[in-house]
Amino acid sequence: MTVFFEWQDAYELGLPDLDLQHTMIVNMLNELHAAMQSGEAESASGKTLEKLLLYVEEHFATEERAMRDNNFPGYEDHVNEHEIFREQVKTLHERHAQGNRIASQELLTILMRWFKDHIAEVDQEFGRHVRDLSDQAKKNFYANIAAPGEKK
């Protein structure tokens, strides 16, 4: 089986919990695409929506907590994007629960767009913020260490 979408190191934020959660979207993309290729798209769409509904609640809570803990200046705008996507996922899930068919291609497009526009772009701003904080903390730490024989 060919991989439809491959995770790349460039997508990593440097925050293991968040990076692992982001790979779950890649897994969903690949599972849905494989189901489409094998003619099982309709049942896969429902399963993907179930996973996605759980994912957005768990992942967004984790990511938003990390942003608050790190005083991320783009927090409000970032959370607004989460809310928009959360509502989109809930709407799709409700449509599916009411018996309306969700086209697997539509779901694949939504997941791909979210990954490319949000995870691979917007989330990277938060990753840079955390790396900058880490770099500054290292500089401060080493600036405050006395050289042997030197008094601080």
N, C-alpha and C. Protein backbone atom coordinates (compact mmCIF):
# COMPACT_ATOMS: atom_id res chain seq x y z
N MET A 1 0.85 -1.19 0.00
CA MET A 1 0.00 0.00 0.00
C MET A 1 0.89 1.25 0.00
N THR A 2 0.56 2.16 -0.85
CA THR A 2 1.30 3.42 -0.89
C THR A 2 0.76 4.37 0.16
N VAL A 3 1.65 5.16 0.70
CA VAL A 3 1.26 6.15 1.69
C VAL A 3 0.78 7.39 0.94
N PHE A 4 -0.41 7.83 1.28
CA PHE A 4 -1.00 9.00 0.64
C PHE A 4 -0.32 10.29 1.11
N PHE A 5 -0.13 10.41 2.43
CA PHE A 5 0.45 11.63 3.00
C PHE A 5 1.48 11.22 4.04
N GLU A 6 2.67 11.73 3.91
CA GLU A 6 3.77 11.32 4.78
C GLU A 6 4.14 12.44 5.75
N TRP A 7 4.30 12.05 7.01
CA TRP A 7 4.77 12.98 8.04
C TRP A 7 6.20 13.37 7.74
N GLN A 8 6.52 14.64 7.95
CA GLN A 8 7.89 15.12 7.75
C GLN A 8 8.37 15.81 9.01
N ASP A 9 9.66 15.75 9.25
CA ASP A 9 10.24 16.40 10.43
C ASP A 9 9.92 17.89 10.46
N ALA A 10 9.75 18.49 9.31
CA ALA A 10 9.46 19.93 9.24
C ALA A 10 8.14 20.28 9.92
N TYR A 11 7.25 19.30 10.10
CA TYR A 11 5.96 19.55 10.75
C TYR A 11 6.07 19.58 12.27
N GLU A 12 7.19 19.09 12.79
CA GLU A 12 7.33 19.00 14.25
C GLU A 12 7.43 20.37 14.89
N LEU A 13 6.77 20.48 16.04
CA LEU A 13 6.85 21.71 16.83
C LEU A 13 7.98 21.62 17.85
N GLY A 14 8.41 20.41 18.14
CA GLY A 14 9.40 20.22 19.19
C GLY A 14 8.74 19.99 20.54
N LEU A 15 7.44 19.74 20.52
CA LEU A 15 6.67 19.43 21.73
C LEU A 15 6.11 18.02 21.51
N PRO A 16 6.74 17.00 22.11
CA PRO A 16 6.42 15.61 21.78
C PRO A 16 4.93 15.24 21.86
N ASP A 17 4.23 15.69 22.88
CA ASP A 17 2.81 15.35 23.00
C ASP A 17 2.01 15.90 21.82
N LEU A 18 2.27 17.15 21.49
CA LEU A 18 1.54 17.77 20.38
C LEU A 18 1.95 17.16 19.04
N ASP A 19 3.23 16.91 18.87
CA ASP A 19 3.69 16.30 17.62
C ASP A 19 3.06 14.92 17.43
N LEU A 20 2.98 14.13 18.49
CA LEU A 20 2.35 12.82 18.39
C LEU A 20 0.88 12.96 18.01
N GLN A 21 0.20 13.90 18.63
CA GLN A 21 -1.21 14.12 18.30
C GLN A 21 -1.37 14.57 16.85
N HIS A 22 -0.46 15.39 16.37
CA HIS A 22 -0.54 15.84 14.98
C HIS A 22 -0.37 14.67 14.00
N THR A 23 0.45 13.69 14.38
CA THR A 23 0.61 12.53 13.49
C THR A 23 -0.69 11.74 13.37
N MET A 24 -1.58 11.90 14.33
CA MET A 24 -2.87 11.20 14.27
C MET A 24 -3.70 11.70 13.09
N ILE A 25 -3.59 12.98 12.76
CA ILE A 25 -4.30 13.50 11.58
C ILE A 25 -3.72 12.85 10.33
N VAL A 26 -2.42 12.70 10.28
CA VAL A 26 -1.78 12.05 9.14
C VAL A 26 -2.29 10.61 9.02
N ASN A 27 -2.39 9.94 10.16
CA ASN A 27 -2.92 8.57 10.15
C ASN A 27 -4.34 8.53 9.63
N MET A 28 -5.17 9.47 10.07
CA MET A 28 -6.56 9.53 9.60
C MET A 28 -6.61 9.76 8.09
N LEU A 29 -5.77 10.66 7.61
CA LEU A 29 -5.71 10.91 6.17
C LEU A 29 -5.36 9.63 5.40
N ASN A 30 -4.35 8.94 5.87
CA ASN A 30 -3.89 7.73 5.18
C ASN A 30 -4.92 6.60 5.27
N GLU A 31 -5.56 6.44 6.42
CA GLU A 31 -6.59 5.41 6.57
C GLU A 31 -7.78 5.70 5.67
N LEU A 32 -8.21 6.94 5.63
CA LEU A 32 -9.36 7.31 4.80
C LEU A 32 -9.03 7.13 3.32
N HIS A 33 -7.87 7.55 2.93
CA HIS A 33 -7.46 7.40 1.53
C HIS A 33 -7.38 5.92 1.15
N ALA A 34 -6.81 5.10 2.02
CA ALA A 34 -6.72 3.67 1.74
C ALA A 34 -8.11 3.06 1.60
N ALA A 35 -9.04 3.48 2.46
CA ALA A 35 -10.41 2.97 2.38
C ALA A 35 -11.07 3.40 1.07
N MET A 36 -10.79 4.62 0.65
CA MET A 36 -11.34 5.09 -0.63
C MET A 36 -10.80 4.24 -1.78
N GLN A 37 -9.54 3.90 -1.73
CA GLN A 37 -8.91 3.11 -2.78
C GLN A 37 -9.46 1.67 -2.82
N SER A 38 -9.87 1.17 -1.66
CA SER A 38 -10.35 -0.21 -1.59
C SER A 38 -11.87 -0.32 -1.66
N GLY A 39 -12.56 0.81 -1.88
CA GLY A 39 -14.01 0.77 -2.01
C GLY A 39 -14.77 0.75 -0.70
N GLU A 40 -14.10 1.06 0.39
CA GLU A 40 -14.74 1.04 1.71
C GLU A 40 -14.88 2.44 2.29
N ALA A 41 -14.99 3.42 1.42
CA ALA A 41 -14.97 4.82 1.84
C ALA A 41 -16.13 5.21 2.73
N GLU A 42 -17.32 4.69 2.44
CA GLU A 42 -18.49 5.12 3.20
C GLU A 42 -18.38 4.76 4.68
N SER A 43 -18.01 3.52 4.98
CA SER A 43 -17.87 3.14 6.39
C SER A 43 -16.67 3.83 7.02
N ALA A 44 -15.63 4.06 6.24
CA ALA A 44 -14.43 4.73 6.76
C ALA A 44 -14.72 6.18 7.12
N SER A 45 -15.60 6.84 6.37
CA SER A 45 -15.93 8.24 6.67
C SER A 45 -16.54 8.36 8.06
N GLY A 46 -17.45 7.46 8.40
CA GLY A 46 -18.07 7.49 9.72
C GLY A 46 -17.05 7.25 10.83
N LYS A 47 -16.18 6.27 10.61
CA LYS A 47 -15.15 5.96 11.62
C LYS A 47 -14.18 7.14 11.77
N THR A 48 -13.82 7.74 10.65
CA THR A 48 -12.91 8.89 10.69
C THR A 48 -13.55 10.05 11.43
N LEU A 49 -14.83 10.28 11.19
CA LEU A 49 -15.52 11.38 11.90
C LEU A 49 -15.55 11.13 13.41
N GLU A 50 -15.77 9.89 13.81
CA GLU A 50 -15.76 9.56 15.24
C GLU A 50 -14.40 9.88 15.85
N LYS A 51 -13.34 9.43 15.17
CA LYS A 51 -11.98 9.69 15.65
C LYS A 51 -11.70 11.18 15.69
N LEU A 52 -12.12 11.88 14.64
CA LEU A 52 -11.85 13.31 14.53
C LEU A 52 -12.56 14.10 15.62
N LEU A 53 -13.77 13.72 15.95
CA LEU A 53 -14.52 14.39 17.01
C LEU A 53 -13.78 14.28 18.34
N LEU A 54 -13.31 13.08 18.66
CA LEU A 54 -12.53 12.88 19.89
C LEU A 54 -11.20 13.62 19.83
N TYR A 55 -10.58 13.56 18.66
CA TYR A 55 -9.29 14.20 18.46
C TYR A 55 -9.35 15.70 18.74
N VAL A 56 -10.33 16.39 18.15
CA VAL A 56 -10.35 17.85 18.30
C VAL A 56 -10.55 18.25 19.76
N GLU A 57 -11.34 17.49 20.49
CA GLU A 57 -11.54 17.83 21.91
C GLU A 57 -10.27 17.62 22.71
N GLU A 58 -9.66 16.46 22.55
CA GLU A 58 -8.45 16.14 23.31
C GLU A 58 -7.26 16.99 22.87
N HIS A 59 -7.03 17.04 21.58
CA HIS A 59 -5.85 17.75 21.08
C HIS A 59 -5.95 19.25 21.34
N PHE A 60 -7.09 19.84 21.06
CA PHE A 60 -7.20 21.28 21.26
C PHE A 60 -7.04 21.64 22.73
N ALA A 61 -7.57 20.83 23.63
CA ALA A 61 -7.39 21.10 25.06
C ALA A 61 -5.91 21.05 25.43
N THR A 62 -5.20 20.05 24.91
CA THR A 62 -3.76 19.91 25.19
C THR A 62 -2.98 21.08 24.62
N GLU A 63 -3.26 21.42 23.37
CA GLU A 63 -2.51 22.49 22.71
C GLU A 63 -2.81 23.85 23.35
N GLU A 64 -4.06 24.10 23.66
CA GLU A 64 -4.42 25.40 24.26
C GLU A 64 -3.81 25.54 25.65
N ARG A 65 -3.76 24.45 26.41
CA ARG A 65 -3.10 24.49 27.73
C ARG A 65 -1.62 24.80 27.56
N ALA A 66 -0.98 24.18 26.59
CA ALA A 66 0.45 24.43 26.34
C ALA A 66 0.67 25.89 25.93
N MET A 67 -0.24 26.44 25.14
CA MET A 67 -0.10 27.84 24.72
C MET A 67 -0.25 28.77 25.92
N ARG A 68 -1.21 28.47 26.79
CA ARG A 68 -1.38 29.31 28.00
C ARG A 68 -0.15 29.20 28.89
N ASP A 69 0.32 27.97 29.09
CA ASP A 69 1.48 27.74 29.96
C ASP A 69 2.74 28.46 29.46
N ASN A 70 2.81 28.67 28.15
CA ASN A 70 3.98 29.31 27.55
C ASN A 70 3.71 30.76 27.14
N ASN A 71 2.61 31.32 27.64
CA ASN A 71 2.25 32.72 27.36
C ASN A 71 2.35 33.06 25.87
N PHE A 72 1.76 32.21 25.05
CA PHE A 72 1.82 32.42 23.60
C PHE A 72 1.00 33.66 23.23
N PRO A 73 1.63 34.66 22.61
CA PRO A 73 0.93 35.90 22.29
C PRO A 73 -0.18 35.74 21.24
N GLY A 74 -0.13 34.69 20.44
CA GLY A 74 -1.16 34.46 19.42
C GLY A 74 -2.29 33.56 19.90
N TYR A 75 -2.39 33.40 21.22
CA TYR A 75 -3.35 32.46 21.81
C TYR A 75 -4.78 32.69 21.33
N GLU A 76 -5.29 33.90 21.44
CA GLU A 76 -6.70 34.17 21.11
C GLU A 76 -7.03 33.83 19.66
N ASP A 77 -6.20 34.28 18.73
CA ASP A 77 -6.45 33.98 17.32
C ASP A 77 -6.37 32.48 17.05
N HIS A 78 -5.43 31.84 17.70
CA HIS A 78 -5.24 30.40 17.52
C HIS A 78 -6.48 29.64 18.01
N VAL A 79 -6.96 30.01 19.18
CA VAL A 79 -8.14 29.36 19.75
C VAL A 79 -9.36 29.60 18.86
N ASN A 80 -9.46 30.78 18.28
CA ASN A 80 -10.57 31.05 17.36
C ASN A 80 -10.54 30.08 16.18
N GLU A 81 -9.36 29.80 15.64
CA GLU A 81 -9.25 28.84 14.54
C GLU A 81 -9.67 27.44 15.01
N HIS A 82 -9.30 27.09 16.22
CA HIS A 82 -9.72 25.80 16.78
C HIS A 82 -11.24 25.74 16.86
N GLU A 83 -11.86 26.81 17.33
CA GLU A 83 -13.32 26.84 17.48
C GLU A 83 -14.02 26.65 16.14
N ILE A 84 -13.51 27.30 15.11
CA ILE A 84 -14.11 27.18 13.78
C ILE A 84 -14.02 25.74 13.30
N PHE A 85 -12.85 25.12 13.46
CA PHE A 85 -12.69 23.74 13.01
C PHE A 85 -13.52 22.80 13.87
N ARG A 86 -13.55 23.02 15.18
CA ARG A 86 -14.35 22.19 16.09
C ARG A 86 -15.81 22.21 15.65
N GLU A 87 -16.33 23.38 15.33
CA GLU A 87 -17.73 23.49 14.88
C GLU A 87 -17.94 22.79 13.54
N GLN A 88 -16.96 22.89 12.65
CA GLN A 88 -17.06 22.22 11.36
C GLN A 88 -17.13 20.70 11.56
N VAL A 89 -16.30 20.18 12.44
CA VAL A 89 -16.28 18.74 12.72
C VAL A 89 -17.60 18.31 13.37
N LYS A 90 -18.09 19.10 14.33
CA LYS A 90 -19.35 18.77 14.99
C LYS A 90 -20.50 18.76 13.99
N THR A 91 -20.52 19.72 13.09
CA THR A 91 -21.57 19.78 12.08
C THR A 91 -21.53 18.56 11.17
N LEU A 92 -20.35 18.19 10.72
CA LEU A 92 -20.20 16.99 9.89
C LEU A 92 -20.66 15.75 10.65
N HIS A 93 -20.26 15.67 11.91
CA HIS A 93 -20.62 14.52 12.73
C HIS A 93 -22.14 14.45 12.91
N GLU A 94 -22.77 15.59 13.17
CA GLU A 94 -24.23 15.62 13.32
C GLU A 94 -24.93 15.21 12.03
N ARG A 95 -24.44 15.71 10.91
CA ARG A 95 -25.00 15.33 9.61
C ARG A 95 -24.94 13.82 9.43
N HIS A 96 -23.80 13.26 9.76
CA HIS A 96 -23.60 11.81 9.62
C HIS A 96 -24.52 11.06 10.59
N ALA A 97 -24.62 11.52 11.82
CA ALA A 97 -25.46 10.86 12.82
C ALA A 97 -26.94 10.90 12.43
N GLN A 98 -27.35 11.90 11.66
CA GLN A 98 -28.74 12.01 11.21
C GLN A 98 -28.99 11.19 9.94
N GLY A 99 -27.98 10.44 9.52
CA GLY A 99 -28.14 9.57 8.38
C GLY A 99 -27.73 10.17 7.05
N ASN A 100 -27.23 11.37 7.07
CA ASN A 100 -26.76 12.00 5.83
C ASN A 100 -25.37 11.50 5.50
N ARG A 101 -25.18 11.14 4.27
CA ARG A 101 -23.90 10.62 3.82
C ARG A 101 -22.86 11.76 3.78
N ILE A 102 -21.70 11.49 4.30
CA ILE A 102 -20.58 12.42 4.23
C ILE A 102 -19.62 11.85 3.19
N ALA A 103 -19.40 12.59 2.14
CA ALA A 103 -18.51 12.11 1.09
C ALA A 103 -17.09 12.01 1.63
N SER A 104 -16.48 10.87 1.38
CA SER A 104 -15.13 10.65 1.88
C SER A 104 -14.16 11.66 1.27
N GLN A 105 -14.39 12.04 0.02
CA GLN A 105 -13.52 13.03 -0.61
C GLN A 105 -13.64 14.38 0.09
N GLU A 106 -14.85 14.74 0.50
CA GLU A 106 -15.07 15.98 1.24
C GLU A 106 -14.30 15.95 2.56
N LEU A 107 -14.40 14.84 3.25
CA LEU A 107 -13.71 14.70 4.54
C LEU A 107 -12.20 14.69 4.35
N LEU A 108 -11.73 14.02 3.33
CA LEU A 108 -10.30 13.99 3.03
C LEU A 108 -9.79 15.41 2.75
N THR A 109 -10.56 16.17 1.98
CA THR A 109 -10.19 17.55 1.65
C THR A 109 -10.15 18.41 2.90
N ILE A 110 -11.13 18.26 3.77
CA ILE A 110 -11.19 19.04 5.02
C ILE A 110 -9.97 18.73 5.89
N LEU A 111 -9.65 17.43 6.03
CA LEU A 111 -8.49 17.04 6.84
C LEU A 111 -7.19 17.56 6.24
N MET A 112 -7.07 17.45 4.93
CA MET A 112 -5.85 17.91 4.26
C MET A 112 -5.69 19.42 4.41
N ARG A 113 -6.78 20.13 4.22
CA ARG A 113 -6.73 21.59 4.35
C ARG A 113 -6.34 21.98 5.78
N TRP A 114 -6.94 21.31 6.77
CA TRP A 114 -6.62 21.61 8.16
C TRP A 114 -5.14 21.35 8.43
N PHE A 115 -4.65 20.24 7.94
CA PHE A 115 -3.24 19.93 8.17
C PHE A 115 -2.34 20.97 7.54
N LYS A 116 -2.56 21.24 6.27
CA LYS A 116 -1.66 22.16 5.54
C LYS A 116 -1.80 23.61 6.01
N ASP A 117 -3.01 24.06 6.27
CA ASP A 117 -3.22 25.46 6.66
C ASP A 117 -2.97 25.71 8.14
N HIS A 118 -3.31 24.75 8.97
CA HIS A 118 -3.20 25.00 10.41
C HIS A 118 -1.96 24.33 11.02
N ILE A 119 -1.88 23.02 10.92
CA ILE A 119 -0.78 22.31 11.58
C ILE A 119 0.57 22.68 10.97
N ALA A 120 0.64 22.67 9.65
CA ALA A 120 1.92 22.93 8.99
C ALA A 120 2.27 24.41 8.90
N GLU A 121 1.32 25.28 9.22
CA GLU A 121 1.59 26.73 9.15
C GLU A 121 1.36 27.41 10.49
N VAL A 122 0.11 27.49 10.92
CA VAL A 122 -0.25 28.26 12.12
C VAL A 122 0.38 27.67 13.37
N ASP A 123 0.33 26.35 13.52
CA ASP A 123 0.92 25.74 14.71
C ASP A 123 2.43 25.97 14.78
N GLN A 124 3.04 26.16 13.63
CA GLN A 124 4.49 26.41 13.60
C GLN A 124 4.84 27.72 14.32
N GLU A 125 3.94 28.68 14.32
CA GLU A 125 4.18 29.93 15.06
C GLU A 125 4.34 29.63 16.55
N PHE A 126 3.49 28.76 17.06
CA PHE A 126 3.60 28.37 18.46
C PHE A 126 4.89 27.61 18.71
N GLY A 127 5.26 26.72 17.80
CA GLY A 127 6.52 25.98 17.93
C GLY A 127 7.72 26.92 17.99
N ARG A 128 7.71 27.94 17.12
CA ARG A 128 8.81 28.92 17.13
C ARG A 128 8.84 29.68 18.46
N HIS A 129 7.67 30.03 18.97
CA HIS A 129 7.59 30.74 20.25
C HIS A 129 8.22 29.91 21.36
N VAL A 130 7.90 28.62 21.42
CA VAL A 130 8.43 27.75 22.47
C VAL A 130 9.94 27.57 22.29
N ARG A 131 10.39 27.41 21.06
CA ARG A 131 11.84 27.28 20.82
C ARG A 131 12.56 28.56 21.23
N ASP A 132 11.97 29.72 20.94
CA ASP A 132 12.58 31.00 21.34
C ASP A 132 12.66 31.10 22.86
N LEU A 133 11.61 30.67 23.56
CA LEU A 133 11.64 30.68 25.02
C LEU A 133 12.75 29.78 25.54
N SER A 134 12.89 28.63 24.92
CA SER A 134 13.92 27.67 25.33
C SER A 134 15.31 28.24 25.09
N ASP A 135 15.50 28.86 23.92
CA ASP A 135 16.80 29.46 23.61
C ASP A 135 17.13 30.57 24.61
N GLN A 136 16.14 31.39 24.94
CA GLN A 136 16.36 32.49 25.88
C GLN A 136 16.68 31.95 27.27
N ALA A 137 15.98 30.90 27.68
CA ALA A 137 16.24 30.29 28.99
C ALA A 137 17.66 29.74 29.05
N LYS A 138 18.12 29.13 27.96
CA LYS A 138 19.50 28.61 27.93
C LYS A 138 20.50 29.75 28.05
N LYS A 139 20.27 30.83 27.30
CA LYS A 139 21.18 31.98 27.37
C LYS A 139 21.23 32.55 28.78
N ASN A 140 20.06 32.69 29.39
CA ASN A 140 20.00 33.23 30.75
C ASN A 140 20.71 32.31 31.73
N PHE A 141 20.52 31.02 31.56
CA PHE A 141 21.15 30.05 32.45
C PHE A 141 22.67 30.16 32.37
N TYR A 142 23.18 30.13 31.14
CA TYR A 142 24.63 30.16 30.96
C TYR A 142 25.22 31.53 31.30
N ALA A 143 24.45 32.57 31.15
CA ALA A 143 24.94 33.90 31.50
C ALA A 143 25.10 34.05 33.02
N ASN A 144 24.34 33.26 33.76
CA ASN A 144 24.37 33.36 35.22
C ASN A 144 25.31 32.35 35.88
N ILE A 145 25.96 31.54 35.08
CA ILE A 145 26.91 30.58 35.64
C ILE A 145 28.28 31.24 35.70
N ALA A 146 28.88 31.17 36.86
CA ALA A 146 30.21 31.76 37.03
C ALA A 146 31.25 30.83 36.44
N ALA A 147 32.20 31.43 35.76
CA ALA A 147 33.34 30.67 35.26
C ALA A 147 34.15 30.20 36.46
N PRO A 148 34.88 29.08 36.33
CA PRO A 148 35.69 28.61 37.47
C PRO A 148 36.59 29.72 37.98
N GLY A 149 36.56 29.94 39.28
CA GLY A 149 37.40 30.96 39.91
C GLY A 149 36.77 32.34 39.87
N GLU A 150 35.67 32.51 39.20
CA GLU A 150 35.01 33.82 39.08
C GLU A 150 33.88 33.88 40.10
N LYS A 151 33.70 35.03 40.70
CA LYS A 151 32.61 35.22 41.65
C LYS A 151 31.44 35.87 40.96
N LYS A 152 30.25 35.40 41.27
CA LYS A 152 29.02 35.99 40.71
C LYS A 152 28.28 36.71 41.77
